[in-house]
Amino acid sequence: MDYLQCNKCKQQYELLPEEKPEDFSSKCGCGGSLKHHLDDDKQYLKESSVGYDIHEVGKRDPINFIYIFELVIKGLMLLGAFFIAIILFPLGLIVLALIVYFIFFYKK
């Protein structure tokens, strides 16, 4: 859990899940100022270089079906383009050979 800690007397107050640091005064009873600290898990995730955001420990984003659908469509388009290239390449070579034949070797 997150907690507030006094910089003077080092007393700590553990925040409940529904509490926010903004709900409290920034001054301790001893006169020191309170500083917000993350729990160890959240602090580690914040400081680590994971490369992507983790919003909350233990919570996952819901599955984005639109994103998955777009990926599937793009994959199918890529696969289709690949097969078209395989089919058209030999036809292109045949057409090129005919053009070369008629330009250089065809005699009337």
N, C-alpha and C. Protein backbone atom coordinates (compact mmCIF):
# COMPACT_ATOMS: atom_id res chain seq x y z
N MET A 1 0.84 -1.19 0.00
CA MET A 1 0.00 0.00 0.00
C MET A 1 0.88 1.25 0.00
N ASP A 2 0.35 2.32 -0.51
CA ASP A 2 1.04 3.60 -0.47
C ASP A 2 1.00 4.14 0.95
N TYR A 3 1.92 5.04 1.24
CA TYR A 3 1.94 5.61 2.58
C TYR A 3 2.50 7.03 2.53
N LEU A 4 2.18 7.80 3.57
CA LEU A 4 2.73 9.13 3.77
C LEU A 4 3.78 9.02 4.86
N GLN A 5 4.91 9.72 4.69
CA GLN A 5 5.96 9.67 5.70
C GLN A 5 6.44 11.09 5.98
N CYS A 6 6.61 11.37 7.28
CA CYS A 6 7.10 12.68 7.71
C CYS A 6 8.61 12.71 7.51
N ASN A 7 9.10 13.83 6.96
CA ASN A 7 10.55 13.93 6.75
C ASN A 7 11.30 14.29 8.03
N LYS A 8 10.56 14.69 9.08
CA LYS A 8 11.20 15.09 10.34
C LYS A 8 11.20 13.94 11.35
N CYS A 9 10.02 13.43 11.70
CA CYS A 9 9.92 12.38 12.73
C CYS A 9 9.88 10.97 12.14
N LYS A 10 9.82 10.87 10.80
CA LYS A 10 9.81 9.58 10.07
C LYS A 10 8.59 8.71 10.37
N GLN A 11 7.54 9.30 10.95
CA GLN A 11 6.31 8.55 11.21
C GLN A 11 5.61 8.29 9.88
N GLN A 12 5.01 7.10 9.76
CA GLN A 12 4.34 6.71 8.53
C GLN A 12 2.85 6.52 8.76
N TYR A 13 2.07 6.89 7.73
CA TYR A 13 0.63 6.63 7.74
C TYR A 13 0.31 5.86 6.47
N GLU A 14 -0.21 4.65 6.61
CA GLU A 14 -0.54 3.82 5.46
C GLU A 14 -1.89 4.25 4.89
N LEU A 15 -1.92 4.49 3.58
CA LEU A 15 -3.15 4.93 2.93
C LEU A 15 -4.02 3.72 2.60
N LEU A 16 -5.31 3.87 2.82
CA LEU A 16 -6.27 2.84 2.42
C LEU A 16 -6.46 2.93 0.91
N PRO A 17 -6.95 1.86 0.27
CA PRO A 17 -7.10 1.88 -1.20
C PRO A 17 -7.94 3.04 -1.72
N GLU A 18 -8.94 3.47 -0.95
CA GLU A 18 -9.80 4.55 -1.43
C GLU A 18 -9.26 5.94 -1.09
N GLU A 19 -8.17 6.02 -0.33
CA GLU A 19 -7.61 7.30 0.07
C GLU A 19 -6.53 7.75 -0.92
N LYS A 20 -6.42 9.07 -1.05
CA LYS A 20 -5.41 9.67 -1.92
C LYS A 20 -4.55 10.60 -1.07
N PRO A 21 -3.30 10.82 -1.45
CA PRO A 21 -2.44 11.73 -0.68
C PRO A 21 -2.99 13.15 -0.62
N GLU A 22 -3.74 13.54 -1.64
CA GLU A 22 -4.31 14.90 -1.67
C GLU A 22 -5.39 15.10 -0.61
N ASP A 23 -5.91 13.99 -0.06
CA ASP A 23 -6.96 14.08 0.96
C ASP A 23 -6.41 14.55 2.30
N PHE A 24 -5.11 14.60 2.46
CA PHE A 24 -4.50 14.90 3.75
C PHE A 24 -3.71 16.20 3.68
N SER A 25 -3.46 16.76 4.87
CA SER A 25 -2.63 17.95 4.98
C SER A 25 -1.20 17.57 4.64
N SER A 26 -0.45 18.52 4.14
CA SER A 26 0.95 18.24 3.80
C SER A 26 1.87 18.39 5.00
N LYS A 27 1.30 18.73 6.17
CA LYS A 27 2.10 18.92 7.39
C LYS A 27 1.79 17.82 8.40
N CYS A 28 2.84 17.33 9.07
CA CYS A 28 2.71 16.34 10.14
C CYS A 28 2.42 17.08 11.45
N GLY A 29 1.99 16.34 12.47
CA GLY A 29 1.73 16.93 13.78
C GLY A 29 2.98 17.53 14.41
N CYS A 30 4.15 17.00 14.06
CA CYS A 30 5.41 17.50 14.62
C CYS A 30 5.90 18.74 13.90
N GLY A 31 5.27 19.10 12.79
CA GLY A 31 5.67 20.27 12.02
C GLY A 31 6.42 19.94 10.74
N GLY A 32 6.81 18.69 10.58
CA GLY A 32 7.50 18.28 9.36
C GLY A 32 6.52 18.13 8.20
N SER A 33 7.06 17.98 7.02
CA SER A 33 6.18 17.83 5.85
C SER A 33 6.03 16.35 5.50
N LEU A 34 4.83 16.01 5.03
CA LEU A 34 4.53 14.63 4.66
C LEU A 34 4.84 14.42 3.18
N LYS A 35 5.46 13.30 2.89
CA LYS A 35 5.78 12.96 1.51
C LYS A 35 5.11 11.63 1.16
N HIS A 36 4.56 11.58 -0.05
CA HIS A 36 3.87 10.38 -0.53
C HIS A 36 4.90 9.39 -1.05
N HIS A 37 4.78 8.13 -0.63
CA HIS A 37 5.66 7.05 -1.10
C HIS A 37 4.79 5.93 -1.66
N LEU A 38 5.25 5.34 -2.76
CA LEU A 38 4.56 4.19 -3.34
C LEU A 38 4.99 2.94 -2.59
N ASP A 39 4.13 1.92 -2.62
CA ASP A 39 4.56 0.65 -2.02
C ASP A 39 5.69 0.06 -2.87
N ASP A 40 6.35 -0.94 -2.37
CA ASP A 40 7.55 -1.47 -3.02
C ASP A 40 7.28 -1.98 -4.43
N ASP A 41 6.15 -2.67 -4.63
CA ASP A 41 5.85 -3.21 -5.96
C ASP A 41 5.65 -2.10 -6.98
N LYS A 42 4.84 -1.11 -6.62
CA LYS A 42 4.58 -0.01 -7.55
C LYS A 42 5.85 0.80 -7.80
N GLN A 43 6.65 1.01 -6.77
CA GLN A 43 7.89 1.76 -6.92
C GLN A 43 8.85 1.04 -7.86
N TYR A 44 8.95 -0.27 -7.70
CA TYR A 44 9.83 -1.05 -8.57
C TYR A 44 9.36 -0.96 -10.02
N LEU A 45 8.06 -1.10 -10.25
CA LEU A 45 7.54 -1.04 -11.61
C LEU A 45 7.72 0.34 -12.21
N LYS A 46 7.60 1.38 -11.38
CA LYS A 46 7.76 2.74 -11.87
C LYS A 46 9.21 3.00 -12.26
N GLU A 47 10.14 2.46 -11.48
CA GLU A 47 11.56 2.71 -11.72
C GLU A 47 12.16 1.76 -12.74
N SER A 48 11.52 0.63 -13.01
CA SER A 48 12.10 -0.33 -13.94
C SER A 48 11.92 0.15 -15.37
N SER A 49 12.76 -0.34 -16.24
CA SER A 49 12.67 0.06 -17.65
C SER A 49 11.99 -1.05 -18.43
N VAL A 50 10.75 -1.28 -18.12
CA VAL A 50 9.99 -2.36 -18.75
C VAL A 50 9.75 -2.06 -20.22
N GLY A 51 9.48 -0.82 -20.55
CA GLY A 51 9.24 -0.45 -21.93
C GLY A 51 7.77 -0.24 -22.24
N TYR A 52 6.89 -0.53 -21.32
CA TYR A 52 5.48 -0.26 -21.52
C TYR A 52 4.87 0.10 -20.18
N ASP A 53 3.74 0.76 -20.23
CA ASP A 53 3.10 1.23 -19.00
C ASP A 53 2.35 0.10 -18.31
N ILE A 54 2.49 0.03 -17.01
CA ILE A 54 1.68 -0.86 -16.19
C ILE A 54 0.82 0.06 -15.33
N HIS A 55 -0.47 0.06 -15.57
CA HIS A 55 -1.34 1.03 -14.92
C HIS A 55 -1.48 0.76 -13.43
N GLU A 56 -1.73 -0.45 -13.07
CA GLU A 56 -1.87 -0.82 -11.66
C GLU A 56 -1.38 -2.24 -11.49
N VAL A 57 -0.79 -2.49 -10.36
CA VAL A 57 -0.27 -3.83 -10.10
C VAL A 57 -1.43 -4.81 -10.03
N GLY A 58 -1.33 -5.90 -10.77
CA GLY A 58 -2.34 -6.94 -10.72
C GLY A 58 -3.56 -6.70 -11.59
N LYS A 59 -3.63 -5.57 -12.29
CA LYS A 59 -4.79 -5.30 -13.15
C LYS A 59 -4.32 -5.30 -14.59
N ARG A 60 -5.13 -5.88 -15.46
CA ARG A 60 -4.81 -5.93 -16.88
C ARG A 60 -5.84 -5.11 -17.64
N ASP A 61 -5.38 -4.58 -18.78
CA ASP A 61 -6.31 -3.88 -19.65
C ASP A 61 -7.26 -4.89 -20.27
N PRO A 62 -8.51 -4.49 -20.52
CA PRO A 62 -9.44 -5.40 -21.19
C PRO A 62 -8.95 -5.67 -22.62
N ILE A 63 -9.36 -6.80 -23.16
CA ILE A 63 -8.94 -7.16 -24.52
C ILE A 63 -9.57 -6.18 -25.50
N ASN A 64 -8.75 -5.66 -26.37
CA ASN A 64 -9.21 -4.71 -27.37
C ASN A 64 -9.49 -5.48 -28.65
N PHE A 65 -10.76 -5.85 -28.86
CA PHE A 65 -11.13 -6.68 -30.00
C PHE A 65 -10.95 -5.94 -31.32
N ILE A 66 -11.15 -4.65 -31.34
CA ILE A 66 -10.98 -3.88 -32.58
C ILE A 66 -9.52 -3.95 -33.03
N TYR A 67 -8.60 -3.80 -32.08
CA TYR A 67 -7.17 -3.87 -32.40
C TYR A 67 -6.81 -5.26 -32.94
N ILE A 68 -7.32 -6.30 -32.32
CA ILE A 68 -7.05 -7.67 -32.77
C ILE A 68 -7.63 -7.89 -34.16
N PHE A 69 -8.85 -7.38 -34.40
CA PHE A 69 -9.49 -7.50 -35.71
C PHE A 69 -8.64 -6.80 -36.77
N GLU A 70 -8.14 -5.60 -36.46
CA GLU A 70 -7.30 -4.88 -37.42
C GLU A 70 -6.02 -5.65 -37.72
N LEU A 71 -5.43 -6.27 -36.71
CA LEU A 71 -4.22 -7.07 -36.94
C LEU A 71 -4.50 -8.26 -37.84
N VAL A 72 -5.64 -8.92 -37.63
CA VAL A 72 -6.00 -10.07 -38.46
C VAL A 72 -6.21 -9.63 -39.90
N ILE A 73 -6.91 -8.52 -40.10
CA ILE A 73 -7.14 -8.01 -41.46
C ILE A 73 -5.82 -7.67 -42.14
N LYS A 74 -4.92 -6.99 -41.43
CA LYS A 74 -3.62 -6.64 -42.01
C LYS A 74 -2.82 -7.90 -42.35
N GLY A 75 -2.89 -8.90 -41.50
CA GLY A 75 -2.20 -10.15 -41.78
C GLY A 75 -2.74 -10.83 -43.02
N LEU A 76 -4.07 -10.84 -43.17
CA LEU A 76 -4.68 -11.44 -44.35
C LEU A 76 -4.32 -10.68 -45.62
N MET A 77 -4.27 -9.35 -45.52
CA MET A 77 -3.87 -8.54 -46.68
C MET A 77 -2.43 -8.84 -47.08
N LEU A 78 -1.56 -8.97 -46.09
CA LEU A 78 -0.16 -9.28 -46.37
C LEU A 78 -0.03 -10.67 -47.01
N LEU A 79 -0.77 -11.62 -46.49
CA LEU A 79 -0.76 -12.97 -47.04
C LEU A 79 -1.28 -12.97 -48.48
N GLY A 80 -2.36 -12.23 -48.73
CA GLY A 80 -2.91 -12.12 -50.08
C GLY A 80 -1.92 -11.48 -51.04
N ALA A 81 -1.24 -10.42 -50.59
CA ALA A 81 -0.25 -9.77 -51.44
C ALA A 81 0.90 -10.72 -51.76
N PHE A 82 1.28 -11.53 -50.80
CA PHE A 82 2.35 -12.51 -51.01
C PHE A 82 1.95 -13.52 -52.09
N PHE A 83 0.73 -14.05 -52.00
CA PHE A 83 0.28 -15.03 -52.99
C PHE A 83 0.10 -14.40 -54.37
N ILE A 84 -0.36 -13.17 -54.42
CA ILE A 84 -0.50 -12.49 -55.71
C ILE A 84 0.88 -12.29 -56.34
N ALA A 85 1.87 -11.92 -55.52
CA ALA A 85 3.22 -11.74 -56.04
C ALA A 85 3.77 -13.05 -56.58
N ILE A 86 3.50 -14.15 -55.90
CA ILE A 86 3.98 -15.46 -56.36
C ILE A 86 3.31 -15.83 -57.69
N ILE A 87 2.03 -15.53 -57.82
CA ILE A 87 1.30 -15.86 -59.05
C ILE A 87 1.70 -14.94 -60.19
N LEU A 88 1.82 -13.64 -59.94
CA LEU A 88 2.09 -12.68 -61.00
C LEU A 88 3.54 -12.65 -61.45
N PHE A 89 4.46 -13.06 -60.61
CA PHE A 89 5.87 -13.01 -60.99
C PHE A 89 6.16 -13.87 -62.23
N PRO A 90 5.72 -15.12 -62.25
CA PRO A 90 5.97 -15.92 -63.47
C PRO A 90 5.25 -15.35 -64.69
N LEU A 91 4.04 -14.83 -64.49
CA LEU A 91 3.32 -14.22 -65.62
C LEU A 91 4.08 -13.00 -66.14
N GLY A 92 4.65 -12.24 -65.24
CA GLY A 92 5.44 -11.07 -65.64
C GLY A 92 6.68 -11.48 -66.41
N LEU A 93 7.32 -12.57 -66.00
CA LEU A 93 8.49 -13.05 -66.73
C LEU A 93 8.10 -13.52 -68.13
N ILE A 94 6.96 -14.17 -68.24
CA ILE A 94 6.49 -14.63 -69.56
C ILE A 94 6.21 -13.45 -70.47
N VAL A 95 5.53 -12.43 -69.94
CA VAL A 95 5.23 -11.23 -70.74
C VAL A 95 6.52 -10.54 -71.15
N LEU A 96 7.48 -10.43 -70.23
CA LEU A 96 8.76 -9.80 -70.54
C LEU A 96 9.50 -10.59 -71.63
N ALA A 97 9.46 -11.91 -71.55
CA ALA A 97 10.12 -12.74 -72.56
C ALA A 97 9.46 -12.54 -73.93
N LEU A 98 8.14 -12.45 -73.96
CA LEU A 98 7.44 -12.21 -75.23
C LEU A 98 7.81 -10.85 -75.81
N ILE A 99 7.90 -9.85 -74.96
CA ILE A 99 8.27 -8.51 -75.45
C ILE A 99 9.68 -8.54 -76.04
N VAL A 100 10.61 -9.16 -75.32
CA VAL A 100 11.99 -9.26 -75.83
C VAL A 100 12.02 -10.05 -77.15
N TYR A 101 11.27 -11.11 -77.22
CA TYR A 101 11.22 -11.92 -78.44
C TYR A 101 10.72 -11.09 -79.62
N PHE A 102 9.60 -10.38 -79.42
CA PHE A 102 9.04 -9.62 -80.53
C PHE A 102 9.90 -8.43 -80.91
N ILE A 103 10.64 -7.87 -79.97
CA ILE A 103 11.49 -6.72 -80.31
C ILE A 103 12.76 -7.18 -81.04
N PHE A 104 13.38 -8.23 -80.58
CA PHE A 104 14.70 -8.59 -81.11
C PHE A 104 14.71 -9.78 -82.07
N PHE A 105 13.82 -10.71 -81.92
CA PHE A 105 13.93 -11.96 -82.69
C PHE A 105 12.81 -12.21 -83.70
N TYR A 106 11.72 -11.51 -83.61
CA TYR A 106 10.59 -11.75 -84.50
C TYR A 106 10.89 -11.15 -85.87
N LYS A 107 10.78 -12.00 -86.90
CA LYS A 107 11.03 -11.52 -88.26
C LYS A 107 9.77 -11.73 -89.08
N LYS A 108 9.42 -10.70 -89.80
CA LYS A 108 8.20 -10.74 -90.60
C LYS A 108 8.40 -11.48 -91.88
